[in-house]
Amino acid sequence: MRIPKSWIKPIARRIIANLISKDLVEPLVPQETLIEVTESIVLDELLVEDRLNEEVRQLLKKYESEIEKGRLDYRKLFELTKQKLVKERNIIL
């Protein structure tokens, strides 16, 4: 994750406060509930890349011996595999 986890709650608070103050939403549930849901959504979105990176690592384990022998460049393979998955799944990072 690119930002500290401790920043997520303040970010969620700010998002909800801005939406309410600009009359873009009219809360039908308590504001704290909105903040908690927003916090969950933000965290999930921030973890997309972490989950993708882990998946790429698992895929590249198949080629571990080739990489160790110096026949394949791990960083290049990692980036190419990641880009391919991003494109296939229409992931926005």
PDB file of N, CA and C in Angstrom:
ATOM      1  N   MET A   1       0.857  -1.163   0.000  1.00  0.00           N
ATOM      2  CA  MET A   1       0.000   0.000   0.000  1.00  0.00           C
ATOM      3  C   MET A   1       0.908   1.232   0.000  1.00  0.00           C
ATOM      4  N   ARG A   2       0.533   2.200  -0.754  1.00  0.00           N
ATOM      5  CA  ARG A   2       1.387   3.378  -0.940  1.00  0.00           C
ATOM      6  C   ARG A   2       1.260   4.429   0.150  1.00  0.00           C
ATOM      7  N   ILE A   3       0.207   4.376   0.921  1.00  0.00           N
ATOM      8  CA  ILE A   3       0.060   5.342   2.005  1.00  0.00           C
ATOM      9  C   ILE A   3      -0.089   4.583   3.322  1.00  0.00           C
ATOM     10  N   PRO A   4       0.267   5.239   4.424  1.00  0.00           N
ATOM     11  CA  PRO A   4       0.121   4.567   5.722  1.00  0.00           C
ATOM     12  C   PRO A   4      -1.350   4.259   6.030  1.00  0.00           C
ATOM     13  N   LYS A   5      -1.561   3.122   6.650  1.00  0.00           N
ATOM     14  CA  LYS A   5      -2.917   2.696   6.990  1.00  0.00           C
ATOM     15  C   LYS A   5      -3.592   3.709   7.926  1.00  0.00           C
ATOM     16  N   SER A   6      -2.808   4.387   8.731  1.00  0.00           N
ATOM     17  CA  SER A   6      -3.364   5.356   9.682  1.00  0.00           C
ATOM     18  C   SER A   6      -4.003   6.562   8.977  1.00  0.00           C
ATOM     19  N   TRP A   7      -3.712   6.760   7.721  1.00  0.00           N
ATOM     20  CA  TRP A   7      -4.275   7.888   6.971  1.00  0.00           C
ATOM     21  C   TRP A   7      -5.662   7.583   6.430  1.00  0.00           C
ATOM     22  N   ILE A   8      -6.044   6.323   6.397  1.00  0.00           N
ATOM     23  CA  ILE A   8      -7.291   5.942   5.737  1.00  0.00           C
ATOM     24  C   ILE A   8      -8.519   6.533   6.419  1.00  0.00           C
ATOM     25  N   LYS A   9      -8.584   6.461   7.744  1.00  0.00           N
ATOM     26  CA  LYS A   9      -9.758   7.005   8.442  1.00  0.00           C
ATOM     27  C   LYS A   9      -9.885   8.520   8.218  1.00  0.00           C
ATOM     28  N   PRO A  10      -8.797   9.295   8.375  1.00  0.00           N
ATOM     29  CA  PRO A  10      -8.925  10.734   8.086  1.00  0.00           C
ATOM     30  C   PRO A  10      -9.331  11.022   6.633  1.00  0.00           C
ATOM     31  N   ILE A  11      -8.851  10.223   5.708  1.00  0.00           N
ATOM     32  CA  ILE A  11      -9.239  10.408   4.304  1.00  0.00           C
ATOM     33  C   ILE A  11     -10.731  10.141   4.139  1.00  0.00           C
ATOM     34  N   ALA A  12     -11.208   9.056   4.739  1.00  0.00           N
ATOM     35  CA  ALA A  12     -12.638   8.720   4.662  1.00  0.00           C
ATOM     36  C   ALA A  12     -13.486   9.822   5.293  1.00  0.00           C
ATOM     37  N   ARG A  13     -13.051  10.331   6.446  1.00  0.00           N
ATOM     38  CA  ARG A  13     -13.774  11.431   7.105  1.00  0.00           C
ATOM     39  C   ARG A  13     -13.869  12.645   6.186  1.00  0.00           C
ATOM     40  N   ARG A  14     -12.761  12.953   5.554  1.00  0.00           N
ATOM     41  CA  ARG A  14     -12.720  14.129   4.679  1.00  0.00           C
ATOM     42  C   ARG A  14     -13.629  13.951   3.453  1.00  0.00           C
ATOM     43  N   ILE A  15     -13.613  12.766   2.894  1.00  0.00           N
ATOM     44  CA  ILE A  15     -14.469  12.476   1.727  1.00  0.00           C
ATOM     45  C   ILE A  15     -15.937  12.688   2.101  1.00  0.00           C
ATOM     46  N   ILE A  16     -16.348  12.082   3.210  1.00  0.00           N
ATOM     47  CA  ILE A  16     -17.748  12.189   3.632  1.00  0.00           C
ATOM     48  C   ILE A  16     -18.090  13.632   3.992  1.00  0.00           C
ATOM     49  N   ALA A  17     -17.218  14.304   4.709  1.00  0.00           N
ATOM     50  CA  ALA A  17     -17.470  15.699   5.087  1.00  0.00           C
ATOM     51  C   ALA A  17     -17.640  16.578   3.853  1.00  0.00           C
ATOM     52  N   ASN A  18     -16.790  16.368   2.846  1.00  0.00           N
ATOM     53  CA  ASN A  18     -16.884  17.160   1.617  1.00  0.00           C
ATOM     54  C   ASN A  18     -18.173  16.865   0.853  1.00  0.00           C
ATOM     55  N   LEU A  19     -18.531  15.608   0.766  1.00  0.00           N
ATOM     56  CA  LEU A  19     -19.765  15.252   0.062  1.00  0.00           C
ATOM     57  C   LEU A  19     -20.993  15.867   0.732  1.00  0.00           C
ATOM     58  N   ILE A  20     -21.016  15.815   2.052  1.00  0.00           N
ATOM     59  CA  ILE A  20     -22.156  16.366   2.794  1.00  0.00           C
ATOM     60  C   ILE A  20     -22.170  17.888   2.722  1.00  0.00           C
ATOM     61  N   SER A  21     -21.002  18.518   2.910  1.00  0.00           N
ATOM     62  CA  SER A  21     -20.949  19.987   2.922  1.00  0.00           C
ATOM     63  C   SER A  21     -21.307  20.598   1.564  1.00  0.00           C
ATOM     64  N   LYS A  22     -21.058  19.865   0.503  1.00  0.00           N
ATOM     65  CA  LYS A  22     -21.381  20.364  -0.834  1.00  0.00           C
ATOM     66  C   LYS A  22     -22.754  19.891  -1.301  1.00  0.00           C
ATOM     67  N   ASP A  23     -23.497  19.320  -0.381  1.00  0.00           N
ATOM     68  CA  ASP A  23     -24.847  18.821  -0.672  1.00  0.00           C
ATOM     69  C   ASP A  23     -24.884  17.846  -1.854  1.00  0.00           C
ATOM     70  N   LEU A  24     -23.838  17.026  -1.972  1.00  0.00           N
ATOM     71  CA  LEU A  24     -23.802  16.021  -3.027  1.00  0.00           C
ATOM     72  C   LEU A  24     -24.480  14.731  -2.585  1.00  0.00           C
ATOM     73  N   VAL A  25     -24.578  14.560  -1.267  1.00  0.00           N
ATOM     74  CA  VAL A  25     -25.304  13.408  -0.719  1.00  0.00           C
ATOM     75  C   VAL A  25     -26.128  13.876   0.468  1.00  0.00           C
ATOM     76  N   GLU A  26     -27.200  13.169   0.702  1.00  0.00           N
ATOM     77  CA  GLU A  26     -28.007  13.419   1.886  1.00  0.00           C
ATOM     78  C   GLU A  26     -27.993  12.121   2.691  1.00  0.00           C
ATOM     79  N   PRO A  27     -27.254  12.107   3.780  1.00  0.00           N
ATOM     80  CA  PRO A  27     -27.094  10.863   4.540  1.00  0.00           C
ATOM     81  C   PRO A  27     -28.414  10.343   5.110  1.00  0.00           C
ATOM     82  N   LEU A  28     -28.640   9.055   4.894  1.00  0.00           N
ATOM     83  CA  LEU A  28     -29.810   8.399   5.448  1.00  0.00           C
ATOM     84  C   LEU A  28     -29.430   7.521   6.644  1.00  0.00           C
ATOM     85  N   VAL A  29     -28.128   7.419   6.867  1.00  0.00           N
ATOM     86  CA  VAL A  29     -27.592   6.666   8.004  1.00  0.00           C
ATOM     87  C   VAL A  29     -26.647   7.597   8.759  1.00  0.00           C
ATOM     88  N   PRO A  30     -26.278   7.239   9.982  1.00  0.00           N
ATOM     89  CA  PRO A  30     -25.357   8.098  10.733  1.00  0.00           C
ATOM     90  C   PRO A  30     -24.039   8.331   9.977  1.00  0.00           C
ATOM     91  N   GLN A  31     -23.479   9.492  10.175  1.00  0.00           N
ATOM     92  CA  GLN A  31     -22.251   9.867   9.473  1.00  0.00           C
ATOM     93  C   GLN A  31     -21.113   8.888   9.775  1.00  0.00           C
ATOM     94  N   GLU A  32     -21.028   8.392  10.997  1.00  0.00           N
ATOM     95  CA  GLU A  32     -19.981   7.426  11.358  1.00  0.00           C
ATOM     96  C   GLU A  32     -20.093   6.149  10.528  1.00  0.00           C
ATOM     97  N   THR A  33     -21.305   5.737  10.238  1.00  0.00           N
ATOM     98  CA  THR A  33     -21.508   4.544   9.403  1.00  0.00           C
ATOM     99  C   THR A  33     -20.977   4.805   7.996  1.00  0.00           C
ATOM    100  N   LEU A  34     -21.256   5.979   7.467  1.00  0.00           N
ATOM    101  CA  LEU A  34     -20.748   6.354   6.144  1.00  0.00           C
ATOM    102  C   LEU A  34     -19.221   6.365   6.138  1.00  0.00           C
ATOM    103  N   ILE A  35     -18.648   6.880   7.194  1.00  0.00           N
ATOM    104  CA  ILE A  35     -17.186   6.942   7.282  1.00  0.00           C
ATOM    105  C   ILE A  35     -16.600   5.535   7.313  1.00  0.00           C
ATOM    106  N   GLU A  36     -17.198   4.649   8.085  1.00  0.00           N
ATOM    107  CA  GLU A  36     -16.700   3.270   8.169  1.00  0.00           C
ATOM    108  C   GLU A  36     -16.780   2.563   6.819  1.00  0.00           C
ATOM    109  N   VAL A  37     -17.886   2.732   6.117  1.00  0.00           N
ATOM    110  CA  VAL A  37     -18.043   2.100   4.804  1.00  0.00           C
ATOM    111  C   VAL A  37     -17.029   2.686   3.816  1.00  0.00           C
ATOM    112  N   THR A  38     -16.877   3.997   3.849  1.00  0.00           N
ATOM    113  CA  THR A  38     -15.917   4.663   2.965  1.00  0.00           C
ATOM    114  C   THR A  38     -14.505   4.196   3.270  1.00  0.00           C
ATOM    115  N   GLU A  39     -14.204   4.069   4.545  1.00  0.00           N
ATOM    116  CA  GLU A  39     -12.886   3.585   4.975  1.00  0.00           C
ATOM    117  C   GLU A  39     -12.612   2.192   4.390  1.00  0.00           C
ATOM    118  N   SER A  40     -13.608   1.338   4.452  1.00  0.00           N
ATOM    119  CA  SER A  40     -13.482  -0.017   3.921  1.00  0.00           C
ATOM    120  C   SER A  40     -13.247  -0.007   2.413  1.00  0.00           C
ATOM    121  N   ILE A  41     -13.980   0.837   1.715  1.00  0.00           N
ATOM    122  CA  ILE A  41     -13.844   0.937   0.258  1.00  0.00           C
ATOM    123  C   ILE A  41     -12.464   1.458  -0.120  1.00  0.00           C
ATOM    124  N   VAL A  42     -12.025   2.499   0.559  1.00  0.00           N
ATOM    125  CA  VAL A  42     -10.706   3.085   0.274  1.00  0.00           C
ATOM    126  C   VAL A  42      -9.611   2.048   0.528  1.00  0.00           C
ATOM    127  N   LEU A  43      -9.689   1.358   1.652  1.00  0.00           N
ATOM    128  CA  LEU A  43      -8.691   0.342   1.984  1.00  0.00           C
ATOM    129  C   LEU A  43      -8.669  -0.762   0.926  1.00  0.00           C
ATOM    130  N   ASP A  44      -9.841  -1.216   0.531  1.00  0.00           N
ATOM    131  CA  ASP A  44      -9.925  -2.264  -0.482  1.00  0.00           C
ATOM    132  C   ASP A  44      -9.276  -1.818  -1.792  1.00  0.00           C
ATOM    133  N   GLU A  45      -9.539  -0.590  -2.197  1.00  0.00           N
ATOM    134  CA  GLU A  45      -8.958  -0.070  -3.434  1.00  0.00           C
ATOM    135  C   GLU A  45      -7.444   0.065  -3.333  1.00  0.00           C
ATOM    136  N   LEU A  46      -6.955   0.461  -2.165  1.00  0.00           N
ATOM    137  CA  LEU A  46      -5.514   0.617  -1.993  1.00  0.00           C
ATOM    138  C   LEU A  46      -4.794  -0.728  -1.958  1.00  0.00           C
ATOM    139  N   LEU A  47      -5.494  -1.757  -1.572  1.00  0.00           N
ATOM    140  CA  LEU A  47      -4.886  -3.083  -1.486  1.00  0.00           C
ATOM    141  C   LEU A  47      -4.934  -3.856  -2.801  1.00  0.00           C
ATOM    142  N   VAL A  48      -5.602  -3.319  -3.807  1.00  0.00           N
ATOM    143  CA  VAL A  48      -5.686  -3.992  -5.105  1.00  0.00           C
ATOM    144  C   VAL A  48      -4.287  -4.272  -5.646  1.00  0.00           C
ATOM    145  N   GLU A  49      -3.430  -3.283  -5.624  1.00  0.00           N
ATOM    146  CA  GLU A  49      -2.086  -3.462  -6.167  1.00  0.00           C
ATOM    147  C   GLU A  49      -1.276  -4.445  -5.325  1.00  0.00           C
ATOM    148  N   ASP A  50      -1.442  -4.418  -4.011  1.00  0.00           N
ATOM    149  CA  ASP A  50      -0.734  -5.375  -3.157  1.00  0.00           C
ATOM    150  C   ASP A  50      -1.135  -6.808  -3.493  1.00  0.00           C
ATOM    151  N   ARG A  51      -2.428  -7.026  -3.670  1.00  0.00           N
ATOM    152  CA  ARG A  51      -2.906  -8.367  -4.018  1.00  0.00           C
ATOM    153  C   ARG A  51      -2.389  -8.793  -5.395  1.00  0.00           C
ATOM    154  N   LEU A  52      -2.375  -7.865  -6.329  1.00  0.00           N
ATOM    155  CA  LEU A  52      -1.869  -8.159  -7.664  1.00  0.00           C
ATOM    156  C   LEU A  52      -0.382  -8.513  -7.610  1.00  0.00           C
ATOM    157  N   ASN A  53       0.391  -7.745  -6.854  1.00  0.00           N
ATOM    158  CA  ASN A  53       1.819  -8.022  -6.720  1.00  0.00           C
ATOM    159  C   ASN A  53       2.057  -9.414  -6.154  1.00  0.00           C
ATOM    160  N   GLU A  54       1.275  -9.793  -5.168  1.00  0.00           N
ATOM    161  CA  GLU A  54       1.417 -11.122  -4.571  1.00  0.00           C
ATOM    162  C   GLU A  54       1.081 -12.208  -5.592  1.00  0.00           C
ATOM    163  N   GLU A  55       0.059 -11.978  -6.380  1.00  0.00           N
ATOM    164  CA  GLU A  55      -0.316 -12.940  -7.410  1.00  0.00           C
ATOM    165  C   GLU A  55       0.805 -13.102  -8.443  1.00  0.00           C
ATOM    166  N   VAL A  56       1.416 -11.995  -8.831  1.00  0.00           N
ATOM    167  CA  VAL A  56       2.526 -12.047  -9.791  1.00  0.00           C
ATOM    168  C   VAL A  56       3.695 -12.825  -9.182  1.00  0.00           C
ATOM    169  N   ARG A  57       4.003 -12.582  -7.913  1.00  0.00           N
ATOM    170  CA  ARG A  57       5.085 -13.326  -7.244  1.00  0.00           C
ATOM    171  C   ARG A  57       4.823 -14.832  -7.292  1.00  0.00           C
ATOM    172  N   GLN A  58       3.564 -15.208  -7.023  1.00  0.00           N
ATOM    173  CA  GLN A  58       3.212 -16.628  -7.049  1.00  0.00           C
ATOM    174  C   GLN A  58       3.362 -17.209  -8.466  1.00  0.00           C
ATOM    175  N   LEU A  59       2.945 -16.461  -9.468  1.00  0.00           N
ATOM    176  CA  LEU A  59       3.083 -16.925 -10.848  1.00  0.00           C
ATOM    177  C   LEU A  59       4.549 -17.103 -11.238  1.00  0.00           C
ATOM    178  N   LEU A  60       5.406 -16.200 -10.768  1.00  0.00           N
ATOM    179  CA  LEU A  60       6.821 -16.245 -11.147  1.00  0.00           C
ATOM    180  C   LEU A  60       7.600 -17.326 -10.400  1.00  0.00           C
ATOM    181  N   LYS A  61       7.024 -17.891  -9.369  1.00  0.00           N
ATOM    182  CA  LYS A  61       7.703 -18.981  -8.655  1.00  0.00           C
ATOM    183  C   LYS A  61       7.962 -20.160  -9.585  1.00  0.00           C
ATOM    184  N   LYS A  62       7.135 -20.315 -10.607  1.00  0.00           N
ATOM    185  CA  LYS A  62       7.309 -21.394 -11.579  1.00  0.00           C
ATOM    186  C   LYS A  62       8.648 -21.271 -12.316  1.00  0.00           C
ATOM    187  N   TYR A  63       9.132 -20.044 -12.420  1.00  0.00           N
ATOM    188  CA  TYR A  63      10.347 -19.780 -13.186  1.00  0.00           C
ATOM    189  C   TYR A  63      11.540 -19.481 -12.283  1.00  0.00           C
ATOM    190  N   GLU A  64      11.436 -19.854 -11.024  1.00  0.00           N
ATOM    191  CA  GLU A  64      12.467 -19.555 -10.031  1.00  0.00           C
ATOM    192  C   GLU A  64      13.850 -20.069 -10.438  1.00  0.00           C
ATOM    193  N   SER A  65      13.908 -21.298 -10.920  1.00  0.00           N
ATOM    194  CA  SER A  65      15.220 -21.862 -11.273  1.00  0.00           C
ATOM    195  C   SER A  65      15.843 -21.113 -12.453  1.00  0.00           C
ATOM    196  N   GLU A  66      15.032 -20.748 -13.431  1.00  0.00           N
ATOM    197  CA  GLU A  66      15.546 -19.996 -14.582  1.00  0.00           C
ATOM    198  C   GLU A  66      16.034 -18.604 -14.153  1.00  0.00           C
ATOM    199  N   ILE A  67      15.312 -18.008 -13.257  1.00  0.00           N
ATOM    200  CA  ILE A  67      15.676 -16.676 -12.766  1.00  0.00           C
ATOM    201  C   ILE A  67      16.981 -16.763 -11.994  1.00  0.00           C
ATOM    202  N   GLU A  68      17.105 -17.771 -11.135  1.00  0.00           N
ATOM    203  CA  GLU A  68      18.323 -17.940 -10.331  1.00  0.00           C
ATOM    204  C   GLU A  68      19.539 -18.215 -11.202  1.00  0.00           C
ATOM    205  N   LYS A  69      19.342 -18.919 -12.307  1.00  0.00           N
ATOM    206  CA  LYS A  69      20.455 -19.215 -13.218  1.00  0.00           C
ATOM    207  C   LYS A  69      20.852 -17.991 -14.039  1.00  0.00           C
ATOM    208  N   GLY A  70      20.082 -16.932 -13.907  1.00  0.00           N
ATOM    209  CA  GLY A  70      20.399 -15.703 -14.623  1.00  0.00           C
ATOM    210  C   GLY A  70      19.871 -15.657 -16.035  1.00  0.00           C
ATOM    211  N   ARG A  71      19.052 -16.613 -16.393  1.00  0.00           N
ATOM    212  CA  ARG A  71      18.505 -16.639 -17.759  1.00  0.00           C
ATOM    213  C   ARG A  71      17.347 -15.658 -17.924  1.00  0.00           C
ATOM    214  N   LEU A  72      16.687 -15.349 -16.812  1.00  0.00           N
ATOM    215  CA  LEU A  72      15.545 -14.430 -16.861  1.00  0.00           C
ATOM    216  C   LEU A  72      15.740 -13.319 -15.834  1.00  0.00           C
ATOM    217  N   ASP A  73      15.318 -12.131 -16.182  1.00  0.00           N
ATOM    218  CA  ASP A  73      15.408 -10.985 -15.280  1.00  0.00           C
ATOM    219  C   ASP A  73      14.107 -10.878 -14.485  1.00  0.00           C
ATOM    220  N   TYR A  74      14.199 -11.093 -13.167  1.00  0.00           N
ATOM    221  CA  TYR A  74      13.007 -11.122 -12.319  1.00  0.00           C
ATOM    222  C   TYR A  74      12.225  -9.819 -12.393  1.00  0.00           C
ATOM    223  N   ARG A  75      12.906  -8.691 -12.268  1.00  0.00           N
ATOM    224  CA  ARG A  75      12.195  -7.402 -12.275  1.00  0.00           C
ATOM    225  C   ARG A  75      11.445  -7.172 -13.588  1.00  0.00           C
ATOM    226  N   LYS A  76      12.100  -7.512 -14.687  1.00  0.00           N
ATOM    227  CA  LYS A  76      11.463  -7.313 -15.986  1.00  0.00           C
ATOM    228  C   LYS A  76      10.250  -8.248 -16.129  1.00  0.00           C
ATOM    229  N   LEU A  77      10.431  -9.514 -15.746  1.00  0.00           N
ATOM    230  CA  LEU A  77       9.318 -10.463 -15.787  1.00  0.00           C
ATOM    231  C   LEU A  77       8.177 -10.011 -14.894  1.00  0.00           C
ATOM    232  N   PHE A  78       8.518  -9.512 -13.718  1.00  0.00           N
ATOM    233  CA  PHE A  78       7.515  -9.054 -12.767  1.00  0.00           C
ATOM    234  C   PHE A  78       6.679  -7.944 -13.395  1.00  0.00           C
ATOM    235  N   GLU A  79       7.340  -6.942 -13.937  1.00  0.00           N
ATOM    236  CA  GLU A  79       6.634  -5.799 -14.531  1.00  0.00           C
ATOM    237  C   GLU A  79       5.800  -6.214 -15.739  1.00  0.00           C
ATOM    238  N   LEU A  80       6.360  -7.063 -16.591  1.00  0.00           N
ATOM    239  CA  LEU A  80       5.614  -7.502 -17.772  1.00  0.00           C
ATOM    240  C   LEU A  80       4.381  -8.312 -17.377  1.00  0.00           C
ATOM    241  N   THR A  81       4.546  -9.206 -16.413  1.00  0.00           N
ATOM    242  CA  THR A  81       3.420 -10.019 -15.946  1.00  0.00           C
ATOM    243  C   THR A  81       2.358  -9.139 -15.305  1.00  0.00           C
ATOM    244  N   LYS A  82       2.801  -8.202 -14.498  1.00  0.00           N
ATOM    245  CA  LYS A  82       1.869  -7.293 -13.825  1.00  0.00           C
ATOM    246  C   LYS A  82       1.098  -6.463 -14.853  1.00  0.00           C
ATOM    247  N   GLN A  83       1.807  -5.914 -15.832  1.00  0.00           N
ATOM    248  CA  GLN A  83       1.149  -5.115 -16.872  1.00  0.00           C
ATOM    249  C   GLN A  83       0.124  -5.947 -17.638  1.00  0.00           C
ATOM    250  N   LYS A  84       0.469  -7.205 -17.917  1.00  0.00           N
ATOM    251  CA  LYS A  84      -0.446  -8.080 -18.644  1.00  0.00           C
ATOM    252  C   LYS A  84      -1.721  -8.317 -17.837  1.00  0.00           C
ATOM    253  N   LEU A  85      -1.576  -8.599 -16.543  1.00  0.00           N
ATOM    254  CA  LEU A  85      -2.750  -8.830 -15.696  1.00  0.00           C
ATOM    255  C   LEU A  85      -3.596  -7.565 -15.550  1.00  0.00           C
ATOM    256  N   VAL A  86      -2.940  -6.436 -15.421  1.00  0.00           N
ATOM    257  CA  VAL A  86      -3.661  -5.151 -15.311  1.00  0.00           C
ATOM    258  C   VAL A  86      -4.507  -4.924 -16.564  1.00  0.00           C
ATOM    259  N   LYS A  87      -3.909  -5.171 -17.710  1.00  0.00           N
ATOM    260  CA  LYS A  87      -4.613  -4.970 -18.983  1.00  0.00           C
ATOM    261  C   LYS A  87      -5.770  -5.967 -19.142  1.00  0.00           C
ATOM    262  N   GLU A  88      -5.506  -7.241 -18.828  1.00  0.00           N
ATOM    263  CA  GLU A  88      -6.530  -8.272 -18.964  1.00  0.00           C
ATOM    264  C   GLU A  88      -7.730  -8.014 -18.069  1.00  0.00           C
ATOM    265  N   ARG A  89      -7.463  -7.515 -16.867  1.00  0.00           N
ATOM    266  CA  ARG A  89      -8.523  -7.341 -15.859  1.00  0.00           C
ATOM    267  C   ARG A  89      -9.060  -5.921 -15.782  1.00  0.00           C
ATOM    268  N   ASN A  90      -8.532  -5.036 -16.617  1.00  0.00           N
ATOM    269  CA  ASN A  90      -8.951  -3.626 -16.605  1.00  0.00           C
ATOM    270  C   ASN A  90      -8.816  -3.020 -15.215  1.00  0.00           C
ATOM    271  N   ILE A  91      -7.688  -3.267 -14.586  1.00  0.00           N
ATOM    272  CA  ILE A  91      -7.423  -2.730 -13.249  1.00  0.00           C
ATOM    273  C   ILE A  91      -6.821  -1.343 -13.392  1.00  0.00           C
ATOM    274  N   ILE A  92      -7.289  -0.440 -12.556  1.00  0.00           N
ATOM    275  CA  ILE A  92      -6.729   0.906 -12.531  1.00  0.00           C
ATOM    276  C   ILE A  92      -5.873   1.023 -11.286  1.00  0.00           C
ATOM    277  N   LEU A  93      -4.590   1.302 -11.492  1.00  0.00           N
ATOM    278  CA  LEU A  93      -3.661   1.440 -10.349  1.00  0.00           C
ATOM    279  C   LEU A  93      -3.337   2.876 -10.078  1.00  0.00           C
TER     280      LEU A  93
END
